[in-house]
N, C-alpha and C. Protein backbone atom coordinates (compact mmCIF):
# COMPACT_ATOMS: atom_id res chain seq x y z
N UNK A 1 2.24 7.28 1.36
CA UNK A 1 0.94 8.48 2.44
C UNK A 1 0.71 7.69 3.40
N UNK A 2 0.00 7.53 4.63
CA UNK A 2 -0.35 7.11 5.64
C UNK A 2 -2.02 5.92 5.36
N UNK A 3 -2.30 5.51 5.99
CA UNK A 3 -3.69 5.06 6.31
C UNK A 3 -4.50 5.89 6.43
N UNK A 4 -4.22 6.65 7.35
CA UNK A 4 -4.98 7.98 7.79
C UNK A 4 -5.18 8.74 7.04
N UNK A 5 -4.09 9.91 6.61
CA UNK A 5 -4.27 10.16 5.36
C UNK A 5 -4.87 10.24 4.15
N UNK A 6 -4.74 9.17 3.90
CA UNK A 6 -5.91 8.61 2.95
C UNK A 6 -6.52 8.15 2.12
N UNK A 7 -7.03 8.29 4.52
CA UNK A 7 -8.54 8.88 4.10
C UNK A 7 -9.36 9.29 4.28
N UNK A 8 -8.89 10.57 5.02
CA UNK A 8 -8.53 11.95 5.25
C UNK A 8 -8.94 12.43 3.77
N UNK A 9 -7.87 12.33 2.93
CA UNK A 9 -8.05 12.83 1.72
C UNK A 9 -9.60 12.43 0.28
N UNK A 10 -9.69 11.55 1.15
CA UNK A 10 -11.23 10.58 0.57
C UNK A 10 -12.68 11.75 0.85
N UNK A 11 -12.33 11.33 2.06
CA UNK A 11 -14.02 11.44 3.31
C UNK A 11 -13.86 13.02 3.86
N UNK A 12 -12.98 13.70 3.80
CA UNK A 12 -12.97 14.56 4.70
C UNK A 12 -12.16 16.01 3.43
N UNK A 13 -13.00 16.22 2.64
CA UNK A 13 -13.01 16.79 1.43
C UNK A 13 -14.14 18.17 1.05
N UNK A 14 -13.76 18.97 0.61
CA UNK A 14 -14.12 20.30 -0.21
C UNK A 14 -15.96 19.66 -0.25
N UNK A 15 -16.33 20.64 0.28
CA UNK A 15 -18.24 19.93 -0.52
C UNK A 15 -18.60 22.06 -1.27
N UNK A 16 -19.37 21.51 -1.58
CA UNK A 16 -19.70 22.91 -1.88
C UNK A 16 -21.02 22.63 -2.86
N UNK A 17 -22.19 23.56 -2.79
CA UNK A 17 -23.25 24.44 -3.37
C UNK A 17 -23.28 25.43 -3.87
N UNK A 18 -24.66 25.45 -4.81
CA UNK A 18 -24.45 27.07 -4.96
C UNK A 18 -24.39 28.38 -4.48
N UNK A 19 -24.08 28.23 -2.73
CA UNK A 19 -23.84 29.25 -2.03
C UNK A 19 -22.60 29.40 -1.77
N UNK A 20 -22.66 28.31 -0.59
CA UNK A 20 -21.49 28.08 0.39
C UNK A 20 -20.50 26.65 0.39
N UNK A 21 -19.28 26.94 0.79
CA UNK A 21 -18.15 25.37 0.47
C UNK A 21 -18.23 25.23 2.60
N UNK A 22 -18.17 23.83 1.61
CA UNK A 22 -18.60 23.10 3.64
C UNK A 22 -17.03 23.01 3.02
N UNK A 23 -16.29 22.85 4.38
CA UNK A 23 -14.56 22.33 4.44
C UNK A 23 -14.13 22.19 5.67
N UNK A 24 -13.41 20.60 6.10
CA UNK A 24 -12.79 21.17 7.15
C UNK A 24 -12.55 21.73 8.08
N UNK A 25 -13.19 21.75 8.93
CA UNK A 25 -11.87 22.91 10.12
C UNK A 25 -10.51 22.81 9.82
N UNK A 26 -9.88 23.66 10.68
CA UNK A 26 -9.01 24.64 10.28
C UNK A 26 -8.65 25.14 12.10
N UNK A 27 -7.21 24.84 12.10
CA UNK A 27 -6.88 25.61 13.62
C UNK A 27 -7.53 27.43 13.78
N UNK A 28 -7.61 27.64 12.45
CA UNK A 28 -7.69 29.09 12.36
C UNK A 28 -9.68 29.26 12.52
N UNK A 29 -10.25 28.19 12.82
CA UNK A 29 -11.75 28.64 13.38
C UNK A 29 -11.72 28.53 13.90
N UNK A 30 -10.88 28.31 15.67
CA UNK A 30 -11.23 28.39 16.85
C UNK A 30 -11.96 30.28 17.39
N UNK A 31 -11.73 31.13 16.68
CA UNK A 31 -11.98 31.96 17.37
C UNK A 31 -13.55 32.08 16.93
N UNK A 32 -14.28 31.89 15.98
CA UNK A 32 -15.43 32.25 15.30
C UNK A 32 -16.61 31.18 15.97
N UNK A 33 -15.41 29.79 16.47
CA UNK A 33 -16.19 29.46 17.12
C UNK A 33 -16.86 29.40 18.52
N UNK A 34 -15.21 30.01 18.98
CA UNK A 34 -15.18 30.08 20.30
C UNK A 34 -17.25 31.32 20.73
N UNK A 35 -16.73 32.09 19.54
CA UNK A 35 -18.38 33.17 19.76
C UNK A 35 -19.16 32.56 19.54
N UNK A 36 -20.04 31.04 18.87
CA UNK A 36 -20.15 30.99 18.19
C UNK A 36 -20.80 29.63 19.72
N UNK A 37 -20.54 29.13 20.88
CA UNK A 37 -19.86 28.10 21.33
C UNK A 37 -20.67 29.56 23.31
N UNK A 38 -20.10 30.94 22.75
CA UNK A 38 -20.83 31.67 23.87
C UNK A 38 -22.03 32.27 24.28
N UNK A 39 -22.34 31.95 22.50
CA UNK A 39 -23.96 32.89 21.95
C UNK A 39 -25.42 32.30 23.45
N UNK A 40 -25.65 32.57 23.77
CA UNK A 40 -26.80 31.85 24.07
C UNK A 40 -27.49 31.35 23.62
N UNK A 41 -28.11 32.38 22.69
CA UNK A 41 -29.41 31.68 21.87
C UNK A 41 -29.12 30.68 20.89
N UNK A 42 -27.96 30.78 20.97
CA UNK A 42 -27.49 30.07 19.47
C UNK A 42 -27.43 28.50 20.07
N UNK A 43 -26.92 28.34 21.13
CA UNK A 43 -26.25 27.65 22.36
C UNK A 43 -27.25 26.97 23.03
N UNK A 44 -28.69 27.84 22.65
CA UNK A 44 -30.24 26.89 24.10
C UNK A 44 -30.10 25.71 23.66
N UNK A 45 -29.75 25.21 21.99
CA UNK A 45 -30.36 24.26 21.93
C UNK A 45 -29.33 23.08 21.52
N UNK A 46 -27.80 23.08 22.42
CA UNK A 46 -27.02 22.56 22.31
C UNK A 46 -26.75 21.71 23.51
N UNK A 47 -26.96 20.79 23.79
CA UNK A 47 -27.00 19.79 25.49
C UNK A 47 -25.63 20.32 26.20
N UNK A 48 -24.84 21.16 26.26
CA UNK A 48 -24.09 21.72 27.29
C UNK A 48 -24.87 23.32 27.12
N UNK A 49 -25.69 23.92 26.31
CA UNK A 49 -25.84 24.91 26.70
C UNK A 49 -24.86 25.97 26.05
N UNK A 50 -25.06 27.52 26.25
CA UNK A 50 -24.12 28.56 25.93
C UNK A 50 -22.72 28.48 27.39
N UNK A 51 -21.61 28.78 27.22
CA UNK A 51 -20.70 29.12 28.07
C UNK A 51 -19.99 30.36 28.32
N UNK A 52 -19.32 30.71 29.10
CA UNK A 52 -18.69 31.47 29.71
C UNK A 52 -17.38 31.80 28.44
N UNK A 53 -17.13 33.08 28.07
CA UNK A 53 -16.27 32.48 26.77
C UNK A 53 -14.64 32.17 26.84
N UNK A 54 -14.38 32.25 28.27
CA UNK A 54 -12.80 31.04 28.71
C UNK A 54 -13.40 30.01 28.50
N UNK A 55 -14.30 29.27 28.77
CA UNK A 55 -15.19 27.87 28.67
C UNK A 55 -14.98 27.93 27.02
N UNK A 56 -15.46 28.42 26.35
CA UNK A 56 -16.67 28.50 25.44
C UNK A 56 -15.00 28.19 23.81
N UNK A 57 -14.46 29.05 24.47
CA UNK A 57 -12.94 29.23 23.22
C UNK A 57 -11.63 27.49 24.09
N UNK A 58 -12.29 26.90 25.09
CA UNK A 58 -11.57 26.01 25.70
C UNK A 58 -12.42 24.93 24.90
N UNK A 59 -13.34 24.80 24.33
CA UNK A 59 -14.74 23.96 23.75
C UNK A 59 -14.30 24.11 22.71
N UNK A 60 -14.16 25.16 21.59
CA UNK A 60 -13.58 24.96 20.60
C UNK A 60 -12.75 24.57 20.58
N UNK A 61 -11.51 24.74 20.81
CA UNK A 61 -9.79 24.34 21.05
C UNK A 61 -9.62 22.95 20.77
N UNK A 62 -10.64 22.30 21.11
CA UNK A 62 -11.61 20.89 21.96
C UNK A 62 -11.65 19.99 20.15
N UNK A 63 -12.96 21.19 19.98
CA UNK A 63 -13.62 20.52 19.13
C UNK A 63 -12.46 20.29 17.46
N UNK A 64 -12.15 21.13 17.40
CA UNK A 64 -10.99 21.63 16.01
C UNK A 64 -9.76 20.59 16.92
N UNK A 65 -9.01 20.47 17.34
CA UNK A 65 -8.35 19.60 17.56
C UNK A 65 -8.75 18.14 17.79
N UNK A 66 -9.88 17.98 17.90
CA UNK A 66 -10.32 16.39 17.77
C UNK A 66 -10.47 16.58 16.75
N UNK A 67 -11.14 17.20 15.63
CA UNK A 67 -12.03 17.07 14.63
C UNK A 67 -10.51 16.94 13.12
N UNK A 68 -8.94 17.24 13.78
CA UNK A 68 -8.11 17.56 12.73
C UNK A 68 -7.40 16.16 12.41
N UNK A 69 -8.42 15.34 14.22
CA UNK A 69 -7.82 14.12 13.95
C UNK A 69 -8.97 13.16 13.22
N UNK A 70 -9.84 13.24 12.64
CA UNK A 70 -10.77 12.67 12.40
C UNK A 70 -10.21 11.90 10.77
N UNK A 71 -10.57 11.27 10.78
CA UNK A 71 -10.48 10.58 8.60
C UNK A 71 -11.40 10.46 8.13
N UNK A 72 -12.88 9.94 8.48
CA UNK A 72 -14.03 9.81 7.83
C UNK A 72 -14.53 10.82 8.13
N UNK A 73 -15.04 11.46 9.33
CA UNK A 73 -16.52 11.65 9.68
C UNK A 73 -15.74 13.10 10.64
N UNK A 74 -16.96 14.41 11.12
CA UNK A 74 -16.21 15.71 12.31
C UNK A 74 -17.29 16.58 11.39
N UNK A 75 -16.45 17.27 11.38
CA UNK A 75 -16.98 18.40 11.15
C UNK A 75 -16.50 19.39 10.27
N UNK A 76 -17.48 20.56 9.55
CA UNK A 76 -17.18 20.99 7.90
C UNK A 76 -18.56 22.36 8.38
N UNK A 77 -16.98 23.47 8.21
CA UNK A 77 -17.77 24.64 8.20
C UNK A 77 -17.69 24.40 6.99
N UNK A 78 -19.09 25.72 7.47
CA UNK A 78 -19.74 26.05 6.35
C UNK A 78 -19.51 27.99 5.82
N UNK A 79 -19.53 28.01 5.86
CA UNK A 79 -18.60 29.38 4.64
C UNK A 79 -19.73 30.22 2.99
N UNK A 80 -19.92 31.14 3.71
CA UNK A 80 -20.70 31.68 2.16
C UNK A 80 -19.63 31.73 1.35
N UNK A 81 -19.73 31.63 0.04
CA UNK A 81 -18.92 31.45 -0.63
C UNK A 81 -18.15 33.25 -1.93
N UNK A 82 -19.81 33.60 -1.71
CA UNK A 82 -19.51 35.31 -1.93
C UNK A 82 -18.88 36.07 -1.20
N UNK A 83 -19.26 35.64 -0.25
CA UNK A 83 -18.49 36.42 1.04
C UNK A 83 -17.27 36.61 2.58
N UNK A 84 -17.35 35.43 2.01
CA UNK A 84 -15.95 34.29 3.37
C UNK A 84 -16.58 34.44 4.48
N UNK A 85 -17.62 35.14 5.32
CA UNK A 85 -18.51 34.65 5.82
C UNK A 85 -18.76 33.34 5.83
N UNK A 86 -18.25 32.49 7.50
CA UNK A 86 -17.88 31.13 8.16
C UNK A 86 -19.18 31.37 8.93
N UNK A 87 -21.14 30.84 8.28
CA UNK A 87 -22.20 30.63 9.09
C UNK A 87 -21.99 29.62 10.48
N UNK A 88 -21.51 28.57 11.18
CA UNK A 88 -21.23 28.31 11.50
C UNK A 88 -21.18 26.78 11.56
N UNK A 89 -21.10 25.37 11.60
CA UNK A 89 -20.87 23.77 10.87
C UNK A 89 -22.30 23.08 10.93
N UNK A 90 -21.74 22.17 9.81
CA UNK A 90 -22.38 21.35 10.00
C UNK A 90 -21.70 19.87 10.13
N UNK A 91 -22.52 19.01 10.36
CA UNK A 91 -20.89 17.71 11.46
C UNK A 91 -21.74 16.01 10.60
N UNK A 92 -20.79 14.73 10.40
CA UNK A 92 -21.60 13.96 10.60
C UNK A 92 -20.41 12.70 11.61
N UNK A 93 -21.26 12.58 12.96
CA UNK A 93 -20.46 12.05 14.13
C UNK A 93 -21.83 10.26 14.54
N UNK A 94 -20.16 9.48 14.77
CA UNK A 94 -21.06 8.90 15.37
C UNK A 94 -22.16 9.03 16.61
N UNK A 95 -23.62 8.23 16.29
CA UNK A 95 -24.25 8.97 17.95
C UNK A 95 -24.57 8.47 19.25
N UNK A 96 -24.06 9.10 19.82
CA UNK A 96 -24.37 9.06 21.02
C UNK A 96 -24.75 10.13 21.72
N UNK A 97 -25.20 9.79 23.15
CA UNK A 97 -25.47 8.41 23.21
C UNK A 97 -27.10 7.56 22.84
N UNK A 98 -26.45 6.21 22.19
CA UNK A 98 -27.66 5.61 21.83
C UNK A 98 -27.72 4.29 21.79
N UNK A 99 -29.06 4.31 21.99
CA UNK A 99 -28.93 2.15 22.53
C UNK A 99 -29.27 1.43 21.07
N UNK A 100 -29.38 2.17 20.11
CA UNK A 100 -29.04 1.34 18.60
C UNK A 100 -28.07 0.47 18.32
N UNK A 101 -27.88 0.72 16.97
CA UNK A 101 -26.62 -0.77 16.87
C UNK A 101 -25.75 0.65 16.69
N UNK A 102 -24.38 0.40 16.55
CA UNK A 102 -22.86 1.08 17.29
C UNK A 102 -22.31 2.16 16.02
N UNK A 103 -22.97 1.45 15.41
CA UNK A 103 -22.53 1.80 13.93
C UNK A 103 -23.75 2.93 13.04
N UNK A 104 -24.74 3.76 14.08
CA UNK A 104 -25.85 5.17 13.84
C UNK A 104 -24.77 6.24 13.86
N UNK A 105 -24.95 6.43 12.51
CA UNK A 105 -23.93 8.13 11.85
C UNK A 105 -24.97 8.70 12.14
N UNK A 106 -24.91 9.91 12.52
CA UNK A 106 -26.11 11.17 12.82
C UNK A 106 -25.40 12.78 12.21
N UNK A 107 -26.19 13.11 11.86
CA UNK A 107 -26.16 14.83 10.96
C UNK A 107 -26.10 15.47 12.28
N UNK A 108 -25.35 16.42 12.27
CA UNK A 108 -25.81 18.01 13.08
C UNK A 108 -25.44 19.00 12.59
N UNK A 109 -25.66 19.94 12.96
CA UNK A 109 -25.41 21.27 12.54
C UNK A 109 -26.01 22.28 12.89
N UNK A 110 -25.14 23.62 13.71
CA UNK A 110 -25.31 24.61 13.99
C UNK A 110 -25.05 25.64 13.36
N UNK A 111 -25.96 27.45 13.64
CA UNK A 111 -25.67 28.37 13.22
C UNK A 111 -25.65 29.95 13.78
N UNK A 112 -24.75 30.26 13.68
CA UNK A 112 -24.59 32.29 14.14
C UNK A 112 -26.04 32.70 14.46
N UNK A 113 -25.88 33.55 14.75
CA UNK A 113 -27.73 34.15 14.57
C UNK A 113 -28.02 34.90 13.79
N UNK A 114 -26.85 35.33 13.17
CA UNK A 114 -26.76 36.27 11.40
C UNK A 114 -27.48 35.16 10.67
N UNK A 115 -26.92 33.91 10.07
CA UNK A 115 -27.16 33.17 9.15
C UNK A 115 -28.56 32.45 9.11
N UNK A 116 -29.38 32.42 10.62
CA UNK A 116 -30.99 32.50 10.76
C UNK A 116 -31.58 32.56 9.90
N UNK A 117 -32.35 31.87 9.22
CA UNK A 117 -33.54 31.80 8.35
C UNK A 117 -33.47 32.03 6.99
N UNK A 118 -32.36 31.72 6.52
CA UNK A 118 -32.21 31.84 5.28
C UNK A 118 -31.52 30.40 4.80
N UNK A 119 -32.03 29.66 5.02
CA UNK A 119 -31.88 28.12 4.02
C UNK A 119 -30.65 27.96 4.16
N UNK A 120 -29.89 27.90 5.12
CA UNK A 120 -28.60 27.89 5.04
C UNK A 120 -28.27 26.96 5.43
N UNK A 121 -28.97 26.75 6.88
CA UNK A 121 -28.41 25.11 7.28
C UNK A 121 -29.45 23.53 6.83
N UNK A 122 -30.49 23.91 5.96
CA UNK A 122 -31.05 22.95 4.87
C UNK A 122 -29.76 22.61 3.62
N UNK A 123 -29.25 23.49 3.40
CA UNK A 123 -28.43 24.15 1.83
C UNK A 123 -27.70 23.44 2.87
N UNK A 124 -26.47 23.16 3.86
CA UNK A 124 -25.81 23.01 4.54
C UNK A 124 -25.62 21.32 4.62
N UNK A 125 -26.99 20.52 5.41
CA UNK A 125 -27.24 19.91 6.01
C UNK A 125 -27.55 18.80 4.91
N UNK A 126 -28.28 19.37 3.92
CA UNK A 126 -28.50 17.90 2.33
C UNK A 126 -27.46 18.47 2.07
N UNK A 127 -26.65 19.05 1.52
CA UNK A 127 -25.16 18.43 0.82
C UNK A 127 -24.38 17.48 1.67
N UNK A 128 -24.35 17.30 3.19
CA UNK A 128 -23.26 16.67 3.72
C UNK A 128 -23.75 15.39 4.00
N UNK A 129 -25.48 15.29 4.02
CA UNK A 129 -26.26 13.92 3.35
C UNK A 129 -26.35 13.50 2.16
N UNK A 130 -25.73 14.64 1.66
CA UNK A 130 -25.91 13.50 0.19
C UNK A 130 -24.39 13.29 0.32
N UNK A 131 -23.28 13.61 1.45
CA UNK A 131 -22.30 13.20 0.61
C UNK A 131 -22.22 11.54 1.65
N UNK A 132 -22.83 11.91 2.34
CA UNK A 132 -23.02 10.73 3.59
C UNK A 132 -23.24 9.41 2.93
N UNK A 133 -24.69 9.83 1.81
CA UNK A 133 -25.16 8.55 1.59
C UNK A 133 -23.84 7.92 -0.01
N UNK A 134 -23.64 9.35 -0.76
CA UNK A 134 -22.91 8.68 -2.68
C UNK A 134 -21.38 8.06 -1.70
N UNK A 135 -20.69 9.15 -0.68
CA UNK A 135 -19.32 9.17 -0.61
C UNK A 135 -18.87 8.11 0.44
N UNK A 136 -19.82 8.32 1.15
CA UNK A 136 -19.43 6.60 2.80
C UNK A 136 -20.48 5.29 2.01
N UNK A 137 -21.50 6.12 1.80
CA UNK A 137 -22.29 5.51 1.26
C UNK A 137 -23.46 4.37 2.29
N UNK A 138 -23.57 5.33 2.89
CA UNK A 138 -24.29 4.98 4.42
C UNK A 138 -25.78 4.06 4.49
N UNK A 139 -26.08 3.45 5.23
CA UNK A 139 -27.30 2.85 4.79
C UNK A 139 -28.47 3.42 5.48
N UNK A 140 -28.57 4.35 6.55
CA UNK A 140 -29.38 5.16 6.67
C UNK A 140 -28.04 6.13 7.62
N UNK A 141 -28.81 7.49 7.68
CA UNK A 141 -28.59 8.44 9.05
C UNK A 141 -29.20 9.47 10.09
N UNK A 142 -29.06 9.38 10.95
CA UNK A 142 -30.20 9.78 12.46
C UNK A 142 -29.28 11.00 12.34
N UNK A 143 -30.87 11.67 13.67
CA UNK A 143 -30.32 12.93 13.49
C UNK A 143 -31.01 13.42 14.59
N UNK A 144 -30.74 14.18 15.99
CA UNK A 144 -30.94 14.07 17.22
C UNK A 144 -30.75 16.41 17.51
N UNK A 145 -32.61 16.17 17.84
CA UNK A 145 -32.63 17.26 18.38
C UNK A 145 -33.16 17.79 20.09
N UNK A 146 -33.32 18.53 20.25
CA UNK A 146 -33.60 18.80 21.70
C UNK A 146 -34.96 19.32 21.08
N UNK A 147 -35.79 18.89 21.97
CA UNK A 147 -37.84 18.63 22.43
C UNK A 147 -38.28 19.91 21.62
N UNK A 148 -37.70 21.03 22.08
CA UNK A 148 -38.57 22.58 21.19
C UNK A 148 -37.34 23.39 20.43
N UNK A 149 -36.44 22.30 20.14
CA UNK A 149 -36.06 22.83 18.53
C UNK A 149 -36.71 22.93 17.30
N UNK A 150 -38.00 24.16 17.36
CA UNK A 150 -39.45 23.96 15.68
C UNK A 150 -38.07 24.64 15.00
N UNK A 151 -37.03 25.32 14.55
CA UNK A 151 -36.75 25.51 13.14
C UNK A 151 -35.92 24.46 13.02
N UNK A 152 -35.01 23.43 14.25
CA UNK A 152 -34.46 22.40 13.32
C UNK A 152 -35.42 21.07 13.44
N UNK A 153 -36.16 21.04 13.43
CA UNK A 153 -37.04 20.00 13.41
C UNK A 153 -37.80 20.32 11.97
N UNK A 154 -37.53 21.78 11.52
CA UNK A 154 -37.91 21.98 9.92
C UNK A 154 -36.81 21.82 9.29
N UNK A 155 -35.96 21.84 9.35
CA UNK A 155 -34.69 21.73 8.95
C UNK A 155 -34.80 19.85 8.19
N UNK A 156 -34.30 19.47 8.71
CA UNK A 156 -34.58 17.81 9.34
C UNK A 156 -35.70 17.29 8.41
N UNK A 157 -37.24 17.54 8.74
CA UNK A 157 -38.51 17.34 8.08
C UNK A 157 -38.00 17.80 6.14
N UNK A 158 -37.64 18.87 5.55
CA UNK A 158 -36.75 19.40 4.45
C UNK A 158 -36.27 18.32 4.04
N UNK A 159 -35.65 18.13 4.16
CA UNK A 159 -34.75 17.02 4.00
C UNK A 159 -35.62 15.30 3.86
N UNK A 160 -36.15 15.46 4.53
CA UNK A 160 -36.31 13.68 4.02
C UNK A 160 -36.44 12.86 5.75
N UNK A 161 -35.84 14.08 6.45
CA UNK A 161 -35.70 12.71 7.86
C UNK A 161 -37.58 12.70 8.86
N UNK A 162 -37.23 11.59 9.33
CA UNK A 162 -38.57 11.20 10.09
C UNK A 162 -38.01 11.10 11.61
N UNK A 163 -39.64 11.55 11.83
CA UNK A 163 -38.69 10.90 14.03
C UNK A 163 -39.24 9.75 13.30
N UNK A 164 -38.40 9.10 14.61
CA UNK A 164 -38.78 7.91 14.68
C UNK A 164 -38.97 7.82 16.93
N UNK A 165 -39.05 6.45 17.25
CA UNK A 165 -39.56 6.88 18.37
C UNK A 165 -37.79 6.59 19.16
N UNK A 166 -38.43 7.62 20.45
CA UNK A 166 -36.95 7.87 21.31
C UNK A 166 -36.94 6.23 21.99
N UNK A 167 -35.05 6.55 22.12
CA UNK A 167 -34.81 4.83 22.99
C UNK A 167 -34.85 5.48 24.30
N UNK A 168 -35.67 5.81 24.77
CA UNK A 168 -36.15 7.00 26.13
C UNK A 168 -37.25 6.65 26.30
N UNK A 169 -37.84 6.93 27.58
CA UNK A 169 -38.88 6.63 27.86
C UNK A 169 -39.48 8.37 27.31
N UNK A 170 -40.28 7.92 26.85
CA UNK A 170 -41.21 9.97 26.01
C UNK A 170 -41.35 10.75 27.69
N UNK A 171 -41.29 10.60 29.06
CA UNK A 171 -42.43 11.00 29.88
C UNK A 171 -40.29 11.60 30.03
N UNK A 172 -39.71 11.05 29.95
CA UNK A 172 -38.01 11.85 30.38
C UNK A 172 -37.24 12.37 29.64
N UNK A 173 -37.72 12.00 28.15
CA UNK A 173 -36.93 12.19 27.18
C UNK A 173 -36.83 13.81 27.00
N UNK A 174 -36.05 14.44 26.50
CA UNK A 174 -35.75 15.92 26.48
C UNK A 174 -35.69 15.47 24.29
N UNK A 175 -35.22 15.27 24.12
CA UNK A 175 -34.79 14.53 22.87
C UNK A 175 -35.71 14.18 21.91
N UNK A 176 -35.40 14.59 20.30
CA UNK A 176 -36.42 14.14 19.30
C UNK A 176 -35.48 13.48 18.73
N UNK A 177 -35.78 12.09 18.33
CA UNK A 177 -35.09 10.89 17.45
C UNK A 177 -35.60 11.13 15.89
N UNK A 178 -34.36 11.22 14.35
CA UNK A 178 -35.23 11.69 13.23
C UNK A 178 -33.95 10.42 12.78
N UNK A 179 -33.99 10.39 11.41
CA UNK A 179 -34.12 9.16 10.71
C UNK A 179 -34.43 9.22 9.03
N UNK A 180 -33.06 8.64 8.18
CA UNK A 180 -33.54 8.93 7.08
C UNK A 180 -32.74 7.19 6.27
N UNK A 181 -33.19 7.15 5.71
CA UNK A 181 -32.54 5.24 5.00
C UNK A 181 -31.85 6.19 3.69
N UNK A 182 -30.64 5.39 2.96
CA UNK A 182 -30.07 5.64 1.69
C UNK A 182 -31.48 5.70 0.54
N UNK A 183 -32.34 4.85 0.83
CA UNK A 183 -33.02 5.41 -0.53
C UNK A 183 -34.51 6.45 -0.72
N UNK A 184 -34.10 6.79 1.11
CA UNK A 184 -35.61 7.51 0.80
C UNK A 184 -34.60 8.88 1.17
N UNK A 185 -34.04 9.70 0.22
CA UNK A 185 -32.60 10.42 -0.19
C UNK A 185 -33.05 11.75 -1.42
N UNK A 186 -33.27 12.59 -0.31
CA UNK A 186 -33.97 13.18 -2.29
C UNK A 186 -33.40 15.53 -1.32
N UNK A 187 -32.35 14.84 -1.06
CA UNK A 187 -32.12 16.63 -0.63
C UNK A 187 -32.02 18.07 -1.34
N UNK A 188 -32.08 18.87 -0.22
CA UNK A 188 -32.33 20.28 -0.97
C UNK A 188 -31.52 21.46 -1.10
N UNK A 189 -32.18 22.41 -1.97
CA UNK A 189 -30.71 23.30 -1.88
C UNK A 189 -29.70 22.97 -2.78
N UNK A 190 -30.07 21.94 -3.57
CA UNK A 190 -28.20 21.84 -4.24
C UNK A 190 -28.28 22.80 -5.60
């Protein structure tokens, strides 16, 4: 077994909660990801916004392709244990752009509209946050959201992340930054 495969087996494992299975992305995920990226309501708080279906498919293919090569961090599909429905994804990744230390890791998540308001983002992101601290042994995890994304702000605050000062001037920044240190972890929804 090569080093890449050994890392993947240790870090890119299935994670679960009482309701959800979090699993690394696979090729079959391109279809639901395409529809996720093409939905303007879902994508309005993503940096690139919604895409036409053809562009959304290229984005989904690129995301899955890149994710299949990641060993330690990446995307996990959020799948309902009872129904098999995929609600969206949650991710640990290098924080870009960021003027802080280059080793900052960020937590993110995106859900399909039908899954909003059911505690799924909190449960899935909380489980991945637990994985980040217990398995990866990270000292801190960051998160970045668009300024008007109050639903994501509530999720992050429920998970114990606190707003921090933006590295960009406040008058020009459309982003809000959050942080939690390892000693402040109290993931909910387990």
